Amino acid sequence: MIVNYAVDRKRWSEMDIFDQMGNIYSEVGRTFKAKQSHDREKYEQALARAIDLFDATSAALAERRSPKLKEVLRAKEEFLSACEAKDQASERGIDRYFMQFAVAARLTR
């Protein structure tokens, strides 16, 4: 399946980390929901969008030499591991992790 999606990296890099991670959380949630409902097409689309957002965030942080880069890369690694896992325990852990960013993004508005 080919997914025609790419985030506007310039605009993305102007967002703060809470908004970036909160938006990544949306795609993470969509990925897990599609996985649980066995919808392969939606799963692959959401997964591709999540990876693109992780990559855009990582690139922006690398450009700024931010110490947050390591955490974002680790979160991506954990997300991808959860995508491969047969149980939902790792999905719940990732969900709790990202929920904190979504809440923080709301509070900073």
N, C-alpha and C. Protein backbone atom coordinates (compact mmCIF):
# COMPACT_ATOMS: atom_id res chain seq x y z
N MET A 1 0.84 -1.17 0.00
CA MET A 1 0.00 0.00 0.00
C MET A 1 0.89 1.24 0.00
N ILE A 2 0.58 2.18 -0.85
CA ILE A 2 1.29 3.45 -0.91
C ILE A 2 0.46 4.50 -0.21
N VAL A 3 1.09 5.20 0.72
CA VAL A 3 0.40 6.24 1.47
C VAL A 3 0.93 7.58 1.00
N ASN A 4 0.04 8.41 0.53
CA ASN A 4 0.42 9.75 0.07
C ASN A 4 0.21 10.75 1.21
N TYR A 5 1.19 10.84 2.06
CA TYR A 5 1.09 11.73 3.21
C TYR A 5 2.48 12.21 3.57
N ALA A 6 2.59 13.47 3.86
CA ALA A 6 3.84 14.02 4.39
C ALA A 6 3.51 15.30 5.14
N VAL A 7 4.03 15.40 6.32
CA VAL A 7 3.79 16.58 7.14
C VAL A 7 4.61 17.75 6.58
N ASP A 8 4.07 18.95 6.74
CA ASP A 8 4.80 20.18 6.38
C ASP A 8 5.86 20.38 7.46
N ARG A 9 7.08 19.97 7.16
CA ARG A 9 8.14 19.95 8.17
C ARG A 9 8.53 21.34 8.68
N LYS A 10 8.44 22.33 7.84
CA LYS A 10 8.75 23.70 8.31
C LYS A 10 7.75 24.13 9.37
N ARG A 11 6.50 23.96 9.04
CA ARG A 11 5.44 24.33 9.99
C ARG A 11 5.51 23.45 11.25
N TRP A 12 5.77 22.17 11.04
CA TRP A 12 5.87 21.24 12.16
C TRP A 12 6.99 21.65 13.12
N SER A 13 8.12 22.05 12.57
CA SER A 13 9.27 22.40 13.41
C SER A 13 9.02 23.66 14.24
N GLU A 14 8.03 24.44 13.85
CA GLU A 14 7.69 25.65 14.60
C GLU A 14 6.78 25.37 15.79
N MET A 15 6.22 24.17 15.84
CA MET A 15 5.36 23.79 16.96
C MET A 15 6.20 23.42 18.17
N ASP A 16 5.63 23.58 19.37
CA ASP A 16 6.39 23.15 20.55
C ASP A 16 6.27 21.63 20.71
N ILE A 17 7.11 21.08 21.55
CA ILE A 17 7.20 19.63 21.71
C ILE A 17 5.89 19.03 22.20
N PHE A 18 5.15 19.77 23.01
CA PHE A 18 3.89 19.25 23.53
C PHE A 18 2.86 19.09 22.40
N ASP A 19 2.79 20.06 21.52
CA ASP A 19 1.88 19.96 20.38
C ASP A 19 2.32 18.86 19.42
N GLN A 20 3.60 18.76 19.18
CA GLN A 20 4.11 17.71 18.30
C GLN A 20 3.77 16.33 18.85
N MET A 21 4.10 16.11 20.11
CA MET A 21 3.86 14.80 20.70
C MET A 21 2.36 14.52 20.86
N GLY A 22 1.58 15.55 21.11
CA GLY A 22 0.13 15.38 21.17
C GLY A 22 -0.43 14.95 19.83
N ASN A 23 0.09 15.52 18.75
CA ASN A 23 -0.35 15.13 17.41
C ASN A 23 0.13 13.73 17.05
N ILE A 24 1.32 13.40 17.47
CA ILE A 24 1.80 12.03 17.26
C ILE A 24 0.87 11.06 17.98
N TYR A 25 0.45 11.45 19.18
CA TYR A 25 -0.47 10.62 19.96
C TYR A 25 -1.75 10.30 19.19
N SER A 26 -2.25 11.27 18.44
CA SER A 26 -3.46 11.02 17.64
C SER A 26 -3.24 9.89 16.65
N GLU A 27 -2.10 9.90 15.98
CA GLU A 27 -1.80 8.85 15.00
C GLU A 27 -1.48 7.52 15.67
N VAL A 28 -0.84 7.58 16.82
CA VAL A 28 -0.57 6.37 17.59
C VAL A 28 -1.90 5.71 17.96
N GLY A 29 -2.83 6.51 18.45
CA GLY A 29 -4.15 5.99 18.80
C GLY A 29 -4.88 5.39 17.61
N ARG A 30 -4.82 6.07 16.47
CA ARG A 30 -5.45 5.55 15.26
C ARG A 30 -4.81 4.23 14.82
N THR A 31 -3.49 4.16 14.96
CA THR A 31 -2.79 2.93 14.59
C THR A 31 -3.26 1.76 15.45
N PHE A 32 -3.31 1.96 16.76
CA PHE A 32 -3.72 0.88 17.65
C PHE A 32 -5.19 0.51 17.44
N LYS A 33 -6.04 1.50 17.21
CA LYS A 33 -7.46 1.23 16.99
C LYS A 33 -7.64 0.37 15.73
N ALA A 34 -6.94 0.74 14.66
CA ALA A 34 -7.04 -0.03 13.41
C ALA A 34 -6.47 -1.43 13.60
N LYS A 35 -5.39 -1.55 14.37
CA LYS A 35 -4.80 -2.87 14.63
C LYS A 35 -5.80 -3.76 15.37
N GLN A 36 -6.45 -3.19 16.37
CA GLN A 36 -7.40 -3.97 17.16
C GLN A 36 -8.63 -4.38 16.35
N SER A 37 -9.01 -3.55 15.38
CA SER A 37 -10.18 -3.88 14.56
C SER A 37 -9.79 -4.67 13.30
N HIS A 38 -8.51 -4.99 13.19
CA HIS A 38 -7.98 -5.78 12.07
C HIS A 38 -8.23 -5.12 10.71
N ASP A 39 -8.18 -3.79 10.70
CA ASP A 39 -8.34 -3.03 9.45
C ASP A 39 -6.93 -2.71 8.93
N ARG A 40 -6.41 -3.58 8.08
CA ARG A 40 -5.03 -3.48 7.61
C ARG A 40 -4.75 -2.16 6.89
N GLU A 41 -5.68 -1.71 6.06
CA GLU A 41 -5.47 -0.48 5.29
C GLU A 41 -5.36 0.73 6.22
N LYS A 42 -6.30 0.88 7.14
CA LYS A 42 -6.24 2.01 8.08
C LYS A 42 -5.01 1.91 8.99
N TYR A 43 -4.66 0.68 9.36
CA TYR A 43 -3.49 0.47 10.19
C TYR A 43 -2.23 0.97 9.48
N GLU A 44 -2.05 0.57 8.25
CA GLU A 44 -0.86 0.98 7.50
C GLU A 44 -0.83 2.48 7.26
N GLN A 45 -1.97 3.08 7.01
CA GLN A 45 -2.02 4.53 6.79
C GLN A 45 -1.66 5.29 8.07
N ALA A 46 -2.27 4.90 9.19
CA ALA A 46 -1.99 5.56 10.46
C ALA A 46 -0.54 5.34 10.88
N LEU A 47 -0.04 4.13 10.66
CA LEU A 47 1.36 3.83 11.00
C LEU A 47 2.30 4.72 10.19
N ALA A 48 2.04 4.87 8.91
CA ALA A 48 2.89 5.71 8.05
C ALA A 48 2.85 7.17 8.51
N ARG A 49 1.67 7.65 8.87
CA ARG A 49 1.57 9.04 9.36
C ARG A 49 2.31 9.20 10.68
N ALA A 50 2.16 8.23 11.59
CA ALA A 50 2.84 8.31 12.89
C ALA A 50 4.36 8.34 12.69
N ILE A 51 4.85 7.47 11.85
CA ILE A 51 6.29 7.42 11.60
C ILE A 51 6.78 8.74 10.99
N ASP A 52 6.01 9.29 10.07
CA ASP A 52 6.39 10.57 9.47
C ASP A 52 6.45 11.67 10.52
N LEU A 53 5.49 11.68 11.45
CA LEU A 53 5.49 12.70 12.50
C LEU A 53 6.66 12.48 13.47
N PHE A 54 6.93 11.23 13.81
CA PHE A 54 8.11 10.95 14.64
C PHE A 54 9.38 11.45 13.94
N ASP A 55 9.49 11.16 12.65
CA ASP A 55 10.68 11.56 11.90
C ASP A 55 10.80 13.08 11.79
N ALA A 56 9.67 13.76 11.59
CA ALA A 56 9.69 15.22 11.51
C ALA A 56 10.10 15.83 12.84
N THR A 57 9.60 15.27 13.92
CA THR A 57 9.97 15.76 15.25
C THR A 57 11.45 15.50 15.52
N SER A 58 11.90 14.32 15.19
CA SER A 58 13.31 13.97 15.39
C SER A 58 14.23 14.89 14.58
N ALA A 59 13.86 15.17 13.34
CA ALA A 59 14.67 16.04 12.50
C ALA A 59 14.75 17.45 13.09
N ALA A 60 13.61 17.95 13.55
CA ALA A 60 13.59 19.30 14.14
C ALA A 60 14.44 19.35 15.40
N LEU A 61 14.35 18.33 16.22
CA LEU A 61 15.14 18.30 17.45
C LEU A 61 16.62 18.12 17.17
N ALA A 62 16.95 17.31 16.17
CA ALA A 62 18.36 17.12 15.80
C ALA A 62 18.96 18.42 15.28
N GLU A 63 18.18 19.15 14.51
CA GLU A 63 18.65 20.43 13.98
C GLU A 63 18.98 21.41 15.11
N ARG A 64 18.19 21.36 16.17
CA ARG A 64 18.40 22.25 17.32
C ARG A 64 19.37 21.65 18.35
N ARG A 65 19.82 20.43 18.07
CA ARG A 65 20.69 19.70 19.01
C ARG A 65 20.04 19.59 20.39
N SER A 66 18.76 19.30 20.38
CA SER A 66 17.98 19.21 21.60
C SER A 66 18.22 17.88 22.32
N PRO A 67 18.33 17.93 23.63
CA PRO A 67 18.46 16.68 24.39
C PRO A 67 17.17 15.86 24.38
N LYS A 68 16.08 16.45 23.92
CA LYS A 68 14.80 15.74 23.84
C LYS A 68 14.79 14.70 22.72
N LEU A 69 15.74 14.80 21.82
CA LEU A 69 15.79 13.87 20.68
C LEU A 69 15.85 12.42 21.14
N LYS A 70 16.67 12.15 22.13
CA LYS A 70 16.82 10.77 22.61
C LYS A 70 15.49 10.20 23.09
N GLU A 71 14.71 11.01 23.80
CA GLU A 71 13.42 10.54 24.30
C GLU A 71 12.43 10.28 23.16
N VAL A 72 12.42 11.15 22.17
CA VAL A 72 11.52 10.97 21.03
C VAL A 72 11.88 9.70 20.25
N LEU A 73 13.17 9.48 20.05
CA LEU A 73 13.59 8.26 19.36
C LEU A 73 13.24 7.01 20.16
N ARG A 74 13.37 7.09 21.47
CA ARG A 74 12.99 5.95 22.32
C ARG A 74 11.48 5.72 22.27
N ALA A 75 10.70 6.80 22.27
CA ALA A 75 9.24 6.67 22.18
C ALA A 75 8.84 6.03 20.85
N LYS A 76 9.52 6.40 19.78
CA LYS A 76 9.25 5.79 18.47
C LYS A 76 9.56 4.30 18.52
N GLU A 77 10.69 3.96 19.11
CA GLU A 77 11.08 2.55 19.23
C GLU A 77 10.04 1.75 20.02
N GLU A 78 9.57 2.31 21.12
CA GLU A 78 8.56 1.63 21.93
C GLU A 78 7.24 1.51 21.17
N PHE A 79 6.87 2.55 20.43
CA PHE A 79 5.65 2.51 19.63
C PHE A 79 5.74 1.40 18.59
N LEU A 80 6.85 1.32 17.88
CA LEU A 80 7.00 0.29 16.86
C LEU A 80 7.01 -1.11 17.47
N SER A 81 7.58 -1.25 18.65
CA SER A 81 7.55 -2.54 19.35
C SER A 81 6.13 -2.91 19.73
N ALA A 82 5.37 -1.92 20.17
CA ALA A 82 3.97 -2.16 20.54
C ALA A 82 3.14 -2.55 19.32
N CYS A 83 3.49 -2.01 18.17
CA CYS A 83 2.78 -2.36 16.94
C CYS A 83 2.98 -3.82 16.59
N GLU A 84 4.14 -4.36 16.92
CA GLU A 84 4.47 -5.75 16.61
C GLU A 84 3.99 -6.72 17.69
N ALA A 85 3.70 -6.21 18.88
CA ALA A 85 3.32 -7.07 20.00
C ALA A 85 1.95 -7.71 19.77
N LYS A 86 1.80 -8.90 20.29
CA LYS A 86 0.53 -9.63 20.17
C LYS A 86 -0.47 -9.20 21.24
N ASP A 87 0.04 -8.77 22.39
CA ASP A 87 -0.86 -8.34 23.46
C ASP A 87 -1.04 -6.83 23.45
N GLN A 88 -1.94 -6.33 24.25
CA GLN A 88 -2.23 -4.90 24.27
C GLN A 88 -1.58 -4.18 25.44
N ALA A 89 -0.84 -4.87 26.26
CA ALA A 89 -0.21 -4.25 27.43
C ALA A 89 0.74 -3.14 27.03
N SER A 90 1.56 -3.37 26.03
CA SER A 90 2.51 -2.34 25.59
C SER A 90 1.78 -1.16 24.94
N GLU A 91 0.66 -1.43 24.29
CA GLU A 91 -0.14 -0.35 23.71
C GLU A 91 -0.67 0.57 24.80
N ARG A 92 -1.12 -0.02 25.90
CA ARG A 92 -1.64 0.79 27.01
C ARG A 92 -0.54 1.67 27.60
N GLY A 93 0.67 1.12 27.71
CA GLY A 93 1.79 1.90 28.24
C GLY A 93 2.13 3.08 27.35
N ILE A 94 2.15 2.85 26.05
CA ILE A 94 2.43 3.94 25.10
C ILE A 94 1.31 4.97 25.14
N ASP A 95 0.09 4.50 25.25
CA ASP A 95 -1.06 5.40 25.31
C ASP A 95 -0.95 6.33 26.53
N ARG A 96 -0.62 5.76 27.69
CA ARG A 96 -0.45 6.58 28.91
C ARG A 96 0.68 7.59 28.75
N TYR A 97 1.76 7.16 28.14
CA TYR A 97 2.91 8.05 27.93
C TYR A 97 2.50 9.26 27.08
N PHE A 98 1.86 9.01 25.95
CA PHE A 98 1.49 10.09 25.04
C PHE A 98 0.36 10.95 25.57
N MET A 99 -0.52 10.39 26.36
CA MET A 99 -1.63 11.16 26.92
C MET A 99 -1.11 12.36 27.71
N GLN A 100 0.00 12.19 28.38
CA GLN A 100 0.58 13.29 29.16
C GLN A 100 0.91 14.49 28.26
N PHE A 101 1.39 14.24 27.06
CA PHE A 101 1.72 15.32 26.14
C PHE A 101 0.46 15.99 25.61
N ALA A 102 -0.57 15.20 25.35
CA ALA A 102 -1.83 15.76 24.86
C ALA A 102 -2.43 16.68 25.93
N VAL A 103 -2.39 16.26 27.17
CA VAL A 103 -2.89 17.08 28.27
C VAL A 103 -2.06 18.35 28.41
N ALA A 104 -0.74 18.20 28.36
CA ALA A 104 0.15 19.37 28.47
C ALA A 104 -0.09 20.35 27.33
N ALA A 105 -0.32 19.84 26.14
CA ALA A 105 -0.57 20.73 25.00
C ALA A 105 -1.85 21.52 25.22
N ARG A 106 -2.86 20.88 25.75
CA ARG A 106 -4.13 21.57 26.05
C ARG A 106 -3.93 22.64 27.11
N LEU A 107 -3.14 22.33 28.13
CA LEU A 107 -2.93 23.27 29.23
C LEU A 107 -2.12 24.49 28.82
N THR A 108 -1.29 24.36 27.78
CA THR A 108 -0.44 25.48 27.37
C THR A 108 -1.15 26.41 26.39
N ARG A 109 -2.37 26.08 26.01
CA ARG A 109 -3.10 26.94 25.07
C ARG A 109 -3.81 28.05 25.76
